[in-house]
Amino acid sequence: MRNLDHIAVVGVTGYTGFELARILVRHPAVKASTFYMRDTQGAKCLDELFPQLRGRGDAPLQTFSAEAITASKAGVAFLATPHDVSTELVPALVEAGLRVVDLSGAFRFRSGETFSDWYKLPAAPEGLLSEAAYGVPEIYEQQIKDARIVANPGCYATSVILALRPLTDANWIAVGSSVICDCKSGASGAGKELRRDLQFVEVDDNFKAYNLFSHRHTPEILEHTGLDESQVVFTTHLLPISRGILSTIYVTLDASHSREGVEALYRKFYAGRSMVRIWRAGSLPELQHVAHTNFCDIGFALDKSGRRLVIVSCLDNLGKGAAGQAVQNFNHMLGIEEHTALQ
């Protein structure tokens, strides 16, 4: 019998994987955990590779294989793995009775064609794609609770969806108007792969745009806001910092609204959601307010006409944008407080 408080974590060498390990080794509801990687470098325990976790990271470390995970007693597997690895691994884990929180993009879309078009990789089986819950608990809590597969969202997508969803649900965005999502991320959002453009000398004292009209988080934003691709301009930029996302989003409203009305809309939508903090009208969050947390902070400014709205959404790309949100989803699967181990 598989217990949800016994977990397997696959992939801990990347920035997201390490952040996930850092949270889970101190999670009070986790009774047993095993961490898997392709090359353990002879290490038997997690803290042998990561001295930062000494005193907490004595969880066993094993060489990765699907057989090893399915043979274990784990009830939940966290996958901080490349998209193609998740596509191949998830069916075997689900068939063996595990529930999966996947941090790749492999299960984020209902349509395999959407995934293949944007990621240029073969898609997972349609049956599994259709049952995967999209892991924004502030919107899809009920689906996440019982899902066999939770597709953890992209970091940029999380910041934009949380900022826009109250407006799209209320039909407050002017029909046919453009929605500009101007987003900036720290360098850890690009992963740990050795690339010239991510070396210190290239990033330090620099600021640049990248992947315009081609960023893979675009279809997530469209699918979970209901906006049309022709309506959304999504631009991404690389900041010379290690972590954090700040999204500045420009919207034209359908009619004139008051600052109090906009704030009330957001507060009502996220009432009881401890991981989303709504700022007072006219106050704007900053990256330093969310770094090393699982919060998404949302503020806004409204012009005199009451129709031009600028929303600022901030989060930690490794926290609410990745590992922290994965654990938040896990907490819902366990039926415990969603902020457990995250505050």
C-alpha atoms as a PDB file:
ATOM      1  CA  MET A   1       0.000   0.000   0.000  1.00  0.00           C
ATOM      2  CA  ARG A   2       1.285   3.443  -0.916  1.00  0.00           C
ATOM      3  CA  ASN A   3       1.263   6.270   1.597  1.00  0.00           C
ATOM      4  CA  LEU A   4       1.090   9.884   0.478  1.00  0.00           C
ATOM      5  CA  ASP A   5       3.448  10.876   3.300  1.00  0.00           C
ATOM      6  CA  HIS A   6       6.175   8.703   1.704  1.00  0.00           C
ATOM      7  CA  ILE A   7       7.680  10.623  -1.198  1.00  0.00           C
ATOM      8  CA  ALA A   8      10.160  10.221  -4.007  1.00  0.00           C
ATOM      9  CA  VAL A   9      11.926  13.250  -5.481  1.00  0.00           C
ATOM     10  CA  VAL A  10      13.547  12.898  -8.886  1.00  0.00           C
ATOM     11  CA  GLY A  11      16.125  15.477  -9.920  1.00  0.00           C
ATOM     12  CA  VAL A  12      17.760  17.537  -7.186  1.00  0.00           C
ATOM     13  CA  THR A  13      20.824  18.959  -8.933  1.00  0.00           C
ATOM     14  CA  GLY A  14      19.058  21.888 -10.595  1.00  0.00           C
ATOM     15  CA  TYR A  15      18.021  25.106  -8.876  1.00  0.00           C
ATOM     16  CA  THR A  16      14.378  24.042  -8.666  1.00  0.00           C
ATOM     17  CA  GLY A  17      15.260  20.526  -7.515  1.00  0.00           C
ATOM     18  CA  PHE A  18      17.452  21.812  -4.707  1.00  0.00           C
ATOM     19  CA  GLU A  19      14.768  24.288  -3.610  1.00  0.00           C
ATOM     20  CA  LEU A  20      12.273  21.435  -3.578  1.00  0.00           C
ATOM     21  CA  ALA A  21      14.609  19.317  -1.454  1.00  0.00           C
ATOM     22  CA  ARG A  22      15.234  22.207   0.928  1.00  0.00           C
ATOM     23  CA  ILE A  23      11.490  22.546   1.596  1.00  0.00           C
ATOM     24  CA  LEU A  24      10.632  18.849   1.753  1.00  0.00           C
ATOM     25  CA  VAL A  25      13.360  17.800   4.201  1.00  0.00           C
ATOM     26  CA  ARG A  26      11.692  20.004   6.812  1.00  0.00           C
ATOM     27  CA  HIS A  27       8.077  19.227   5.868  1.00  0.00           C
ATOM     28  CA  PRO A  28       6.313  18.004   9.041  1.00  0.00           C
ATOM     29  CA  ALA A  29       3.899  15.715   7.179  1.00  0.00           C
ATOM     30  CA  VAL A  30       6.573  13.816   5.227  1.00  0.00           C
ATOM     31  CA  LYS A  31       7.380  10.595   7.063  1.00  0.00           C
ATOM     32  CA  ALA A  32       9.890   9.164   4.605  1.00  0.00           C
ATOM     33  CA  SER A  33      11.627  10.547   1.543  1.00  0.00           C
ATOM     34  CA  THR A  34      14.081   9.263  -1.037  1.00  0.00           C
ATOM     35  CA  PHE A  35      15.889  11.449  -3.549  1.00  0.00           C
ATOM     36  CA  TYR A  36      16.910  10.149  -6.961  1.00  0.00           C
ATOM     37  CA  MET A  37      19.484  11.388  -9.446  1.00  0.00           C
ATOM     38  CA  ARG A  38      21.299   9.904 -12.423  1.00  0.00           C
ATOM     39  CA  ASP A  39      24.723  10.227 -10.832  1.00  0.00           C
ATOM     40  CA  THR A  40      24.918  10.273  -7.038  1.00  0.00           C
ATOM     41  CA  GLN A  41      28.691  10.816  -7.226  1.00  0.00           C
ATOM     42  CA  GLY A  42      29.039   8.106  -4.589  1.00  0.00           C
ATOM     43  CA  ALA A  43      26.927   9.992  -2.049  1.00  0.00           C
ATOM     44  CA  LYS A  44      24.506   7.968   0.075  1.00  0.00           C
ATOM     45  CA  CYS A  45      22.618  10.863   1.675  1.00  0.00           C
ATOM     46  CA  LEU A  46      21.389  14.185   0.377  1.00  0.00           C
ATOM     47  CA  ASP A  47      23.506  16.261   2.739  1.00  0.00           C
ATOM     48  CA  GLU A  48      26.689  14.703   1.383  1.00  0.00           C
ATOM     49  CA  LEU A  49      26.049  16.616  -1.842  1.00  0.00           C
ATOM     50  CA  PHE A  50      24.448  19.651  -0.231  1.00  0.00           C
ATOM     51  CA  PRO A  51      26.177  20.669   3.011  1.00  0.00           C
ATOM     52  CA  GLN A  52      23.549  23.397   3.434  1.00  0.00           C
ATOM     53  CA  LEU A  53      21.107  20.642   4.441  1.00  0.00           C
ATOM     54  CA  ARG A  54      23.243  19.105   7.193  1.00  0.00           C
ATOM     55  CA  GLY A  55      21.104  18.272  10.185  1.00  0.00           C
ATOM     56  CA  ARG A  56      18.036  17.875   7.947  1.00  0.00           C
ATOM     57  CA  GLY A  57      19.189  16.406   4.674  1.00  0.00           C
ATOM     58  CA  ASP A  58      20.048  12.885   5.797  1.00  0.00           C
ATOM     59  CA  ALA A  59      17.410  11.419   3.460  1.00  0.00           C
ATOM     60  CA  PRO A  60      18.731   8.561   1.323  1.00  0.00           C
ATOM     61  CA  LEU A  61      20.056   9.318  -2.138  1.00  0.00           C
ATOM     62  CA  GLN A  62      19.718   6.695  -4.863  1.00  0.00           C
ATOM     63  CA  THR A  63      20.570   6.276  -8.518  1.00  0.00           C
ATOM     64  CA  PHE A  64      17.531   7.078 -10.602  1.00  0.00           C
ATOM     65  CA  SER A  65      15.447   4.438 -12.342  1.00  0.00           C
ATOM     66  CA  ALA A  66      11.723   4.033 -12.853  1.00  0.00           C
ATOM     67  CA  GLU A  67      11.962   0.542 -11.387  1.00  0.00           C
ATOM     68  CA  ALA A  68      13.528   1.813  -8.171  1.00  0.00           C
ATOM     69  CA  ILE A  69      10.761   4.353  -7.647  1.00  0.00           C
ATOM     70  CA  THR A  70       7.890   1.979  -8.425  1.00  0.00           C
ATOM     71  CA  ALA A  71       9.412  -0.656  -6.162  1.00  0.00           C
ATOM     72  CA  SER A  72       9.514   1.799  -3.247  1.00  0.00           C
ATOM     73  CA  LYS A  73       6.675   2.560  -0.837  1.00  0.00           C
ATOM     74  CA  ALA A  74       6.381   6.139  -2.073  1.00  0.00           C
ATOM     75  CA  GLY A  75       2.870   7.401  -2.689  1.00  0.00           C
ATOM     76  CA  VAL A  76       3.836  10.708  -4.325  1.00  0.00           C
ATOM     77  CA  ALA A  77       6.659  11.451  -6.744  1.00  0.00           C
ATOM     78  CA  PHE A  78       7.959  14.952  -7.398  1.00  0.00           C
ATOM     79  CA  LEU A  79       9.627  15.274 -10.791  1.00  0.00           C
ATOM     80  CA  ALA A  80      12.113  18.113 -11.270  1.00  0.00           C
ATOM     81  CA  THR A  81      13.109  16.595 -14.577  1.00  0.00           C
ATOM     82  CA  PRO A  82      13.388  17.654 -18.233  1.00  0.00           C
ATOM     83  CA  HIS A  83      10.147  17.646 -20.228  1.00  0.00           C
ATOM     84  CA  ASP A  84      10.971  14.517 -22.219  1.00  0.00           C
ATOM     85  CA  VAL A  85      11.957  12.582 -19.091  1.00  0.00           C
ATOM     86  CA  SER A  86       8.641  13.432 -17.433  1.00  0.00           C
ATOM     87  CA  THR A  87       6.742  12.420 -20.571  1.00  0.00           C
ATOM     88  CA  GLU A  88       8.361   8.987 -20.429  1.00  0.00           C
ATOM     89  CA  LEU A  89       8.343   8.510 -16.647  1.00  0.00           C
ATOM     90  CA  VAL A  90       4.890   9.663 -15.546  1.00  0.00           C
ATOM     91  CA  PRO A  91       2.872   6.876 -17.245  1.00  0.00           C
ATOM     92  CA  ALA A  92       4.941   4.199 -15.479  1.00  0.00           C
ATOM     93  CA  LEU A  93       4.606   5.885 -12.096  1.00  0.00           C
ATOM     94  CA  VAL A  94       0.860   6.405 -12.412  1.00  0.00           C
ATOM     95  CA  GLU A  95       0.369   2.815 -13.534  1.00  0.00           C
ATOM     96  CA  ALA A  96       2.252   1.679 -10.427  1.00  0.00           C
ATOM     97  CA  GLY A  97      -0.148   3.633  -8.221  1.00  0.00           C
ATOM     98  CA  LEU A  98       1.883   6.734  -7.443  1.00  0.00           C
ATOM     99  CA  ARG A  99       0.538  10.244  -7.655  1.00  0.00           C
ATOM    100  CA  VAL A 100       2.804  12.725  -9.419  1.00  0.00           C
ATOM    101  CA  VAL A 101       3.632  16.400  -9.075  1.00  0.00           C
ATOM    102  CA  ASP A 102       5.495  17.206 -12.284  1.00  0.00           C
ATOM    103  CA  LEU A 103       7.476  20.436 -12.487  1.00  0.00           C
ATOM    104  CA  SER A 104       8.207  20.159 -16.216  1.00  0.00           C
ATOM    105  CA  GLY A 105       5.945  21.382 -18.997  1.00  0.00           C
ATOM    106  CA  ALA A 106       5.011  17.877 -20.164  1.00  0.00           C
ATOM    107  CA  PHE A 107       1.479  17.787 -18.699  1.00  0.00           C
ATOM    108  CA  ARG A 108       0.480  21.451 -18.639  1.00  0.00           C
ATOM    109  CA  PHE A 109      -1.780  21.310 -21.690  1.00  0.00           C
ATOM    110  CA  ARG A 110      -4.914  19.372 -22.522  1.00  0.00           C
ATOM    111  CA  SER A 111      -3.757  19.055 -26.109  1.00  0.00           C
ATOM    112  CA  GLY A 112      -0.636  17.142 -27.017  1.00  0.00           C
ATOM    113  CA  GLU A 113      -0.484  19.216 -30.183  1.00  0.00           C
ATOM    114  CA  THR A 114      -0.102  22.393 -28.117  1.00  0.00           C
ATOM    115  CA  PHE A 115       2.804  20.883 -26.202  1.00  0.00           C
ATOM    116  CA  SER A 116       4.535  19.617 -29.352  1.00  0.00           C
ATOM    117  CA  ASP A 117       4.065  22.922 -31.189  1.00  0.00           C
ATOM    118  CA  TRP A 118       5.668  24.962 -28.414  1.00  0.00           C
ATOM    119  CA  TYR A 119       8.219  22.504 -26.988  1.00  0.00           C
ATOM    120  CA  LYS A 120       9.164  20.668 -30.215  1.00  0.00           C
ATOM    121  CA  LEU A 121       8.961  17.303 -28.406  1.00  0.00           C
ATOM    122  CA  PRO A 122       6.638  14.288 -28.572  1.00  0.00           C
ATOM    123  CA  ALA A 123       3.651  14.676 -26.265  1.00  0.00           C
ATOM    124  CA  ALA A 124       2.447  12.395 -23.479  1.00  0.00           C
ATOM    125  CA  PRO A 125      -0.595  10.157 -24.079  1.00  0.00           C
ATOM    126  CA  GLU A 126      -3.777  12.196 -24.540  1.00  0.00           C
ATOM    127  CA  GLY A 127      -5.572  10.249 -21.810  1.00  0.00           C
ATOM    128  CA  LEU A 128      -3.057  11.313 -19.182  1.00  0.00           C
ATOM    129  CA  LEU A 129      -2.955  14.882 -20.461  1.00  0.00           C
ATOM    130  CA  SER A 130      -6.713  15.181 -20.118  1.00  0.00           C
ATOM    131  CA  GLU A 131      -6.711  14.070 -16.488  1.00  0.00           C
ATOM    132  CA  ALA A 132      -3.770  16.174 -15.296  1.00  0.00           C
ATOM    133  CA  ALA A 133      -4.722  19.041 -12.973  1.00  0.00           C
ATOM    134  CA  TYR A 134      -3.081  22.395 -13.606  1.00  0.00           C
ATOM    135  CA  GLY A 135      -1.338  23.251 -10.369  1.00  0.00           C
ATOM    136  CA  VAL A 136      -2.534  26.723  -9.439  1.00  0.00           C
ATOM    137  CA  PRO A 137      -4.337  25.887  -6.175  1.00  0.00           C
ATOM    138  CA  GLU A 138      -5.925  29.326  -5.889  1.00  0.00           C
ATOM    139  CA  ILE A 139      -7.950  28.411  -8.988  1.00  0.00           C
ATOM    140  CA  TYR A 140      -7.965  24.614  -9.276  1.00  0.00           C
ATOM    141  CA  GLU A 141      -7.883  23.372  -5.687  1.00  0.00           C
ATOM    142  CA  GLN A 142     -10.678  20.846  -6.134  1.00  0.00           C
ATOM    143  CA  GLN A 143      -9.058  19.177  -9.142  1.00  0.00           C
ATOM    144  CA  ILE A 144      -5.644  19.106  -7.450  1.00  0.00           C
ATOM    145  CA  LYS A 145      -6.893  17.363  -4.311  1.00  0.00           C
ATOM    146  CA  ASP A 146      -7.770  14.129  -6.100  1.00  0.00           C
ATOM    147  CA  ALA A 147      -5.551  14.286  -9.182  1.00  0.00           C
ATOM    148  CA  ARG A 148      -3.174  11.483 -10.068  1.00  0.00           C
ATOM    149  CA  ILE A 149      -1.073  14.007 -12.005  1.00  0.00           C
ATOM    150  CA  VAL A 150      -0.547  17.644 -11.033  1.00  0.00           C
ATOM    151  CA  ALA A 151       1.186  19.729 -13.688  1.00  0.00           C
ATOM    152  CA  ASN A 152       3.072  22.444 -11.857  1.00  0.00           C
ATOM    153  CA  PRO A 153       2.769  25.711 -13.822  1.00  0.00           C
ATOM    154  CA  GLY A 154       5.543  27.754 -15.338  1.00  0.00           C
ATOM    155  CA  CYS A 155       6.941  30.596 -13.228  1.00  0.00           C
ATOM    156  CA  TYR A 156       6.056  33.423 -15.612  1.00  0.00           C
ATOM    157  CA  ALA A 157       2.660  31.857 -16.257  1.00  0.00           C
ATOM    158  CA  THR A 158       1.882  31.760 -12.530  1.00  0.00           C
ATOM    159  CA  SER A 159       2.639  35.453 -12.085  1.00  0.00           C
ATOM    160  CA  VAL A 160       0.525  36.480 -15.076  1.00  0.00           C
ATOM    161  CA  ILE A 161      -2.419  34.118 -14.527  1.00  0.00           C
ATOM    162  CA  LEU A 162      -2.808  35.121 -10.877  1.00  0.00           C
ATOM    163  CA  ALA A 163      -2.756  38.781 -11.919  1.00  0.00           C
ATOM    164  CA  LEU A 164      -5.277  38.444 -14.745  1.00  0.00           C
ATOM    165  CA  ARG A 165      -7.696  35.724 -13.679  1.00  0.00           C
ATOM    166  CA  PRO A 166      -9.882  37.925 -11.411  1.00  0.00           C
ATOM    167  CA  LEU A 167     -10.355  40.315 -14.349  1.00  0.00           C
ATOM    168  CA  THR A 168     -11.069  37.663 -16.970  1.00  0.00           C
ATOM    169  CA  ASP A 169     -13.520  35.805 -14.709  1.00  0.00           C
ATOM    170  CA  ALA A 170     -15.383  39.073 -14.110  1.00  0.00           C
ATOM    171  CA  ASN A 171     -15.261  40.005 -17.827  1.00  0.00           C
ATOM    172  CA  TRP A 172     -13.689  43.346 -16.942  1.00  0.00           C
ATOM    173  CA  ILE A 173     -11.184  43.430 -19.810  1.00  0.00           C
ATOM    174  CA  ALA A 174     -12.365  45.425 -22.822  1.00  0.00           C
ATOM    175  CA  VAL A 175     -13.296  43.168 -25.724  1.00  0.00           C
ATOM    176  CA  GLY A 176     -10.592  43.112 -28.384  1.00  0.00           C
ATOM    177  CA  SER A 177      -8.159  45.209 -26.387  1.00  0.00           C
ATOM    178  CA  SER A 178      -4.481  44.316 -26.075  1.00  0.00           C
ATOM    179  CA  VAL A 179      -3.115  42.895 -22.820  1.00  0.00           C
ATOM    180  CA  ILE A 180       0.603  43.567 -22.450  1.00  0.00           C
ATOM    181  CA  CYS A 181       2.495  41.302 -20.061  1.00  0.00           C
ATOM    182  CA  ASP A 182       5.958  42.778 -19.523  1.00  0.00           C
ATOM    183  CA  CYS A 183       7.841  40.269 -17.380  1.00  0.00           C
ATOM    184  CA  LYS A 184      11.338  40.078 -15.858  1.00  0.00           C
ATOM    185  CA  SER A 185      13.050  37.108 -14.229  1.00  0.00           C
ATOM    186  CA  GLY A 186      16.216  36.341 -12.324  1.00  0.00           C
ATOM    187  CA  ALA A 187      18.807  34.117 -13.984  1.00  0.00           C
ATOM    188  CA  SER A 188      17.883  30.957 -12.044  1.00  0.00           C
ATOM    189  CA  GLY A 189      14.683  30.858 -14.091  1.00  0.00           C
ATOM    190  CA  ALA A 190      16.743  29.762 -17.077  1.00  0.00           C
ATOM    191  CA  GLY A 191      18.011  26.679 -15.257  1.00  0.00           C
ATOM    192  CA  LYS A 192      21.485  25.401 -14.454  1.00  0.00           C
ATOM    193  CA  GLU A 193      22.573  24.379 -17.946  1.00  0.00           C
ATOM    194  CA  LEU A 194      25.996  25.689 -18.920  1.00  0.00           C
ATOM    195  CA  ARG A 195      25.315  28.441 -21.444  1.00  0.00           C
ATOM    196  CA  ARG A 196      27.423  31.394 -22.489  1.00  0.00           C
ATOM    197  CA  ASP A 197      24.532  33.870 -22.202  1.00  0.00           C
ATOM    198  CA  LEU A 198      24.009  32.875 -18.555  1.00  0.00           C
ATOM    199  CA  GLN A 199      27.605  33.246 -17.424  1.00  0.00           C
ATOM    200  CA  PHE A 200      28.251  35.862 -14.753  1.00  0.00           C
ATOM    201  CA  VAL A 201      30.041  38.295 -17.054  1.00  0.00           C
ATOM    202  CA  GLU A 202      27.172  38.156 -19.572  1.00  0.00           C
ATOM    203  CA  VAL A 203      24.406  38.667 -16.991  1.00  0.00           C
ATOM    204  CA  ASP A 204      26.028  41.099 -14.563  1.00  0.00           C
ATOM    205  CA  ASP A 205      25.405  44.790 -15.336  1.00  0.00           C
ATOM    206  CA  ASN A 206      23.128  43.730 -18.182  1.00  0.00           C
ATOM    207  CA  PHE A 207      19.395  43.555 -18.943  1.00  0.00           C
ATOM    208  CA  LYS A 208      17.863  42.037 -22.045  1.00  0.00           C
ATOM    209  CA  ALA A 209      14.703  40.767 -23.648  1.00  0.00           C
ATOM    210  CA  TYR A 210      14.466  37.220 -25.024  1.00  0.00           C
ATOM    211  CA  ASN A 211      12.092  34.712 -26.672  1.00  0.00           C
ATOM    212  CA  LEU A 212       9.675  37.381 -27.886  1.00  0.00           C
ATOM    213  CA  PHE A 213       6.510  35.803 -29.328  1.00  0.00           C
ATOM    214  CA  SER A 214       8.007  32.357 -28.708  1.00  0.00           C
ATOM    215  CA  HIS A 215       8.203  31.846 -24.945  1.00  0.00           C
ATOM    216  CA  ARG A 216       6.856  28.442 -23.898  1.00  0.00           C
ATOM    217  CA  HIS A 217       4.757  29.863 -21.073  1.00  0.00           C
ATOM    218  CA  THR A 218       2.577  31.721 -23.590  1.00  0.00           C
ATOM    219  CA  PRO A 219       0.037  28.917 -24.169  1.00  0.00           C
ATOM    220  CA  GLU A 220      -0.380  28.435 -20.403  1.00  0.00           C
ATOM    221  CA  ILE A 221      -1.340  32.077 -20.040  1.00  0.00           C
ATOM    222  CA  LEU A 222      -3.798  31.856 -22.926  1.00  0.00           C
ATOM    223  CA  GLU A 223      -5.350  28.593 -21.746  1.00  0.00           C
ATOM    224  CA  HIS A 224      -5.922  29.738 -18.166  1.00  0.00           C
ATOM    225  CA  THR A 225      -7.042  33.311 -18.765  1.00  0.00           C
ATOM    226  CA  GLY A 226      -9.231  32.641 -21.799  1.00  0.00           C
ATOM    227  CA  LEU A 227      -7.550  35.437 -23.729  1.00  0.00           C
ATOM    228  CA  ASP A 228      -6.862  35.105 -27.438  1.00  0.00           C
ATOM    229  CA  GLU A 229      -3.279  34.837 -28.702  1.00  0.00           C
ATOM    230  CA  SER A 230      -3.810  37.883 -30.927  1.00  0.00           C
ATOM    231  CA  GLN A 231      -4.783  39.876 -27.838  1.00  0.00           C
ATOM    232  CA  VAL A 232      -1.762  39.107 -25.642  1.00  0.00           C
ATOM    233  CA  VAL A 233       1.745  40.535 -25.947  1.00  0.00           C
ATOM    234  CA  PHE A 234       3.970  38.534 -23.601  1.00  0.00           C
ATOM    235  CA  THR A 235       7.566  39.740 -23.310  1.00  0.00           C
ATOM    236  CA  THR A 236      10.263  38.239 -21.098  1.00  0.00           C
ATOM    237  CA  HIS A 237      13.490  39.800 -19.831  1.00  0.00           C
ATOM    238  CA  LEU A 238      16.536  38.543 -17.956  1.00  0.00           C
ATOM    239  CA  LEU A 239      17.464  40.479 -14.828  1.00  0.00           C
ATOM    240  CA  PRO A 240      21.017  40.463 -13.392  1.00  0.00           C
ATOM    241  CA  ILE A 241      19.805  38.845 -10.149  1.00  0.00           C
ATOM    242  CA  SER A 242      19.587  35.240  -9.010  1.00  0.00           C
ATOM    243  CA  ARG A 243      15.853  34.831  -8.368  1.00  0.00           C
ATOM    244  CA  GLY A 244      12.493  36.556  -8.613  1.00  0.00           C
ATOM    245  CA  ILE A 245       9.867  37.518 -11.202  1.00  0.00           C
ATOM    246  CA  LEU A 246       8.195  40.890 -11.610  1.00  0.00           C
ATOM    247  CA  SER A 247       5.381  41.099 -14.157  1.00  0.00           C
ATOM    248  CA  THR A 248       3.969  44.484 -15.140  1.00  0.00           C
ATOM    249  CA  ILE A 249       0.678  43.979 -16.953  1.00  0.00           C
ATOM    250  CA  TYR A 250      -1.187  46.669 -18.902  1.00  0.00           C
ATOM    251  CA  VAL A 251      -4.944  46.268 -19.326  1.00  0.00           C
ATOM    252  CA  THR A 252      -7.812  48.329 -20.719  1.00  0.00           C
ATOM    253  CA  LEU A 253     -10.998  47.777 -18.736  1.00  0.00           C
ATOM    254  CA  ASP A 254     -14.461  47.428 -20.265  1.00  0.00           C
ATOM    255  CA  ALA A 255     -15.835  50.409 -18.342  1.00  0.00           C
ATOM    256  CA  SER A 256     -14.746  52.943 -15.771  1.00  0.00           C
ATOM    257  CA  HIS A 257     -14.028  51.368 -12.376  1.00  0.00           C
ATOM    258  CA  SER A 258     -12.887  52.827  -9.076  1.00  0.00           C
ATOM    259  CA  ARG A 259      -9.671  51.944  -7.278  1.00  0.00           C
ATOM    260  CA  GLU A 260     -11.785  50.602  -4.430  1.00  0.00           C
ATOM    261  CA  GLY A 261     -13.738  48.439  -6.854  1.00  0.00           C
ATOM    262  CA  VAL A 262     -10.614  46.923  -8.394  1.00  0.00           C
ATOM    263  CA  GLU A 263      -9.108  46.196  -4.997  1.00  0.00           C
ATOM    264  CA  ALA A 264     -12.382  44.646  -3.810  1.00  0.00           C
ATOM    265  CA  LEU A 265     -12.489  42.392  -6.881  1.00  0.00           C
ATOM    266  CA  TYR A 266      -9.023  41.010  -6.152  1.00  0.00           C
ATOM    267  CA  ARG A 267      -9.607  40.630  -2.433  1.00  0.00           C
ATOM    268  CA  LYS A 268     -12.841  38.730  -3.006  1.00  0.00           C
ATOM    269  CA  PHE A 269     -11.271  36.447  -5.606  1.00  0.00           C
ATOM    270  CA  TYR A 270      -8.349  35.529  -3.334  1.00  0.00           C
ATOM    271  CA  ALA A 271     -10.211  35.565  -0.023  1.00  0.00           C
ATOM    272  CA  GLY A 272      -8.817  32.828   2.206  1.00  0.00           C
ATOM    273  CA  ARG A 273      -5.840  32.203  -0.094  1.00  0.00           C
ATOM    274  CA  SER A 274      -2.866  32.782   2.163  1.00  0.00           C
ATOM    275  CA  MET A 275      -0.231  32.574  -0.576  1.00  0.00           C
ATOM    276  CA  VAL A 276      -1.558  35.526  -2.617  1.00  0.00           C
ATOM    277  CA  ARG A 277      -1.214  38.929  -0.961  1.00  0.00           C
ATOM    278  CA  ILE A 278      -3.200  41.822  -2.413  1.00  0.00           C
ATOM    279  CA  TRP A 279      -1.703  45.264  -1.844  1.00  0.00           C
ATOM    280  CA  ARG A 280      -3.709  48.396  -1.139  1.00  0.00           C
ATOM    281  CA  ALA A 281      -4.801  50.399  -4.168  1.00  0.00           C
ATOM    282  CA  GLY A 282      -1.881  52.404  -5.497  1.00  0.00           C
ATOM    283  CA  SER A 283       0.760  50.400  -3.590  1.00  0.00           C
ATOM    284  CA  LEU A 284       3.128  48.245  -5.612  1.00  0.00           C
ATOM    285  CA  PRO A 285       5.102  45.155  -4.540  1.00  0.00           C
ATOM    286  CA  GLU A 286       8.804  44.632  -5.181  1.00  0.00           C
ATOM    287  CA  LEU A 287      10.979  41.561  -5.644  1.00  0.00           C
ATOM    288  CA  GLN A 288      12.555  41.934  -2.218  1.00  0.00           C
ATOM    289  CA  HIS A 289       9.112  41.447  -0.669  1.00  0.00           C
ATOM    290  CA  VAL A 290       8.734  37.918  -2.071  1.00  0.00           C
ATOM    291  CA  ALA A 291      12.288  36.562  -2.385  1.00  0.00           C
ATOM    292  CA  HIS A 292      12.726  33.185  -0.650  1.00  0.00           C
ATOM    293  CA  THR A 293       8.963  32.920   0.013  1.00  0.00           C
ATOM    294  CA  ASN A 294       5.963  31.203  -1.569  1.00  0.00           C
ATOM    295  CA  PHE A 295       3.933  34.411  -1.830  1.00  0.00           C
ATOM    296  CA  CYS A 296       2.652  36.088  -4.952  1.00  0.00           C
ATOM    297  CA  ASP A 297       2.173  39.790  -4.224  1.00  0.00           C
ATOM    298  CA  ILE A 298      -0.210  41.746  -6.459  1.00  0.00           C
ATOM    299  CA  GLY A 299      -0.601  45.517  -6.603  1.00  0.00           C
ATOM    300  CA  PHE A 300      -2.056  47.911  -9.151  1.00  0.00           C
ATOM    301  CA  ALA A 301      -2.448  51.481 -10.303  1.00  0.00           C
ATOM    302  CA  LEU A 302      -5.535  52.870 -12.061  1.00  0.00           C
ATOM    303  CA  ASP A 303      -5.582  56.022 -14.169  1.00  0.00           C
ATOM    304  CA  LYS A 304      -8.054  58.901 -13.772  1.00  0.00           C
ATOM    305  CA  SER A 305     -10.388  57.527 -16.420  1.00  0.00           C
ATOM    306  CA  GLY A 306     -10.828  54.338 -14.424  1.00  0.00           C
ATOM    307  CA  ARG A 307     -10.148  52.251 -17.502  1.00  0.00           C
ATOM    308  CA  ARG A 308      -6.375  51.995 -17.843  1.00  0.00           C
ATOM    309  CA  LEU A 309      -5.097  49.506 -15.268  1.00  0.00           C
ATOM    310  CA  VAL A 310      -1.506  48.512 -14.566  1.00  0.00           C
ATOM    311  CA  ILE A 311      -1.018  45.395 -12.434  1.00  0.00           C
ATOM    312  CA  VAL A 312       2.286  44.430 -10.829  1.00  0.00           C
ATOM    313  CA  SER A 313       2.669  40.783  -9.848  1.00  0.00           C
ATOM    314  CA  CYS A 314       5.773  39.597  -7.959  1.00  0.00           C
ATOM    315  CA  LEU A 315       6.911  36.142  -6.916  1.00  0.00           C
ATOM    316  CA  ASP A 316      10.024  34.049  -6.376  1.00  0.00           C
ATOM    317  CA  ASN A 317      10.506  31.939  -9.500  1.00  0.00           C
ATOM    318  CA  LEU A 318      11.922  29.084  -7.403  1.00  0.00           C
ATOM    319  CA  GLY A 319       9.205  29.439  -4.740  1.00  0.00           C
ATOM    320  CA  LYS A 320       5.653  30.208  -5.870  1.00  0.00           C
ATOM    321  CA  GLY A 321       6.939  29.896  -9.430  1.00  0.00           C
ATOM    322  CA  ALA A 322       8.193  26.313  -9.023  1.00  0.00           C
ATOM    323  CA  ALA A 323       9.187  24.287  -5.931  1.00  0.00           C
ATOM    324  CA  GLY A 324       7.091  26.167  -3.366  1.00  0.00           C
ATOM    325  CA  GLN A 325       3.965  25.835  -5.479  1.00  0.00           C
ATOM    326  CA  ALA A 326       4.695  22.122  -5.990  1.00  0.00           C
ATOM    327  CA  VAL A 327       4.700  21.660  -2.216  1.00  0.00           C
ATOM    328  CA  GLN A 328       1.568  23.802  -1.929  1.00  0.00           C
ATOM    329  CA  ASN A 329      -0.101  21.405  -4.373  1.00  0.00           C
ATOM    330  CA  PHE A 330       1.214  18.429  -2.377  1.00  0.00           C
ATOM    331  CA  ASN A 331      -0.347  19.889   0.760  1.00  0.00           C
ATOM    332  CA  HIS A 332      -3.731  19.964  -0.971  1.00  0.00           C
ATOM    333  CA  MET A 333      -3.256  16.343  -2.005  1.00  0.00           C
ATOM    334  CA  LEU A 334      -2.632  15.509   1.665  1.00  0.00           C
ATOM    335  CA  GLY A 335      -5.640  17.556   2.774  1.00  0.00           C
ATOM    336  CA  ILE A 336      -3.580  19.764   5.113  1.00  0.00           C
ATOM    337  CA  GLU A 337      -3.087  23.527   5.376  1.00  0.00           C
ATOM    338  CA  GLU A 338      -1.724  24.739   2.041  1.00  0.00           C
ATOM    339  CA  HIS A 339       1.018  26.838   3.652  1.00  0.00           C
ATOM    340  CA  THR A 340       2.526  23.904   5.590  1.00  0.00           C
ATOM    341  CA  ALA A 341       6.364  24.085   5.400  1.00  0.00           C
ATOM    342  CA  LEU A 342       6.083  27.237   3.279  1.00  0.00           C
ATOM    343  CA  GLN A 343       6.042  29.965   5.950  1.00  0.00           C
END
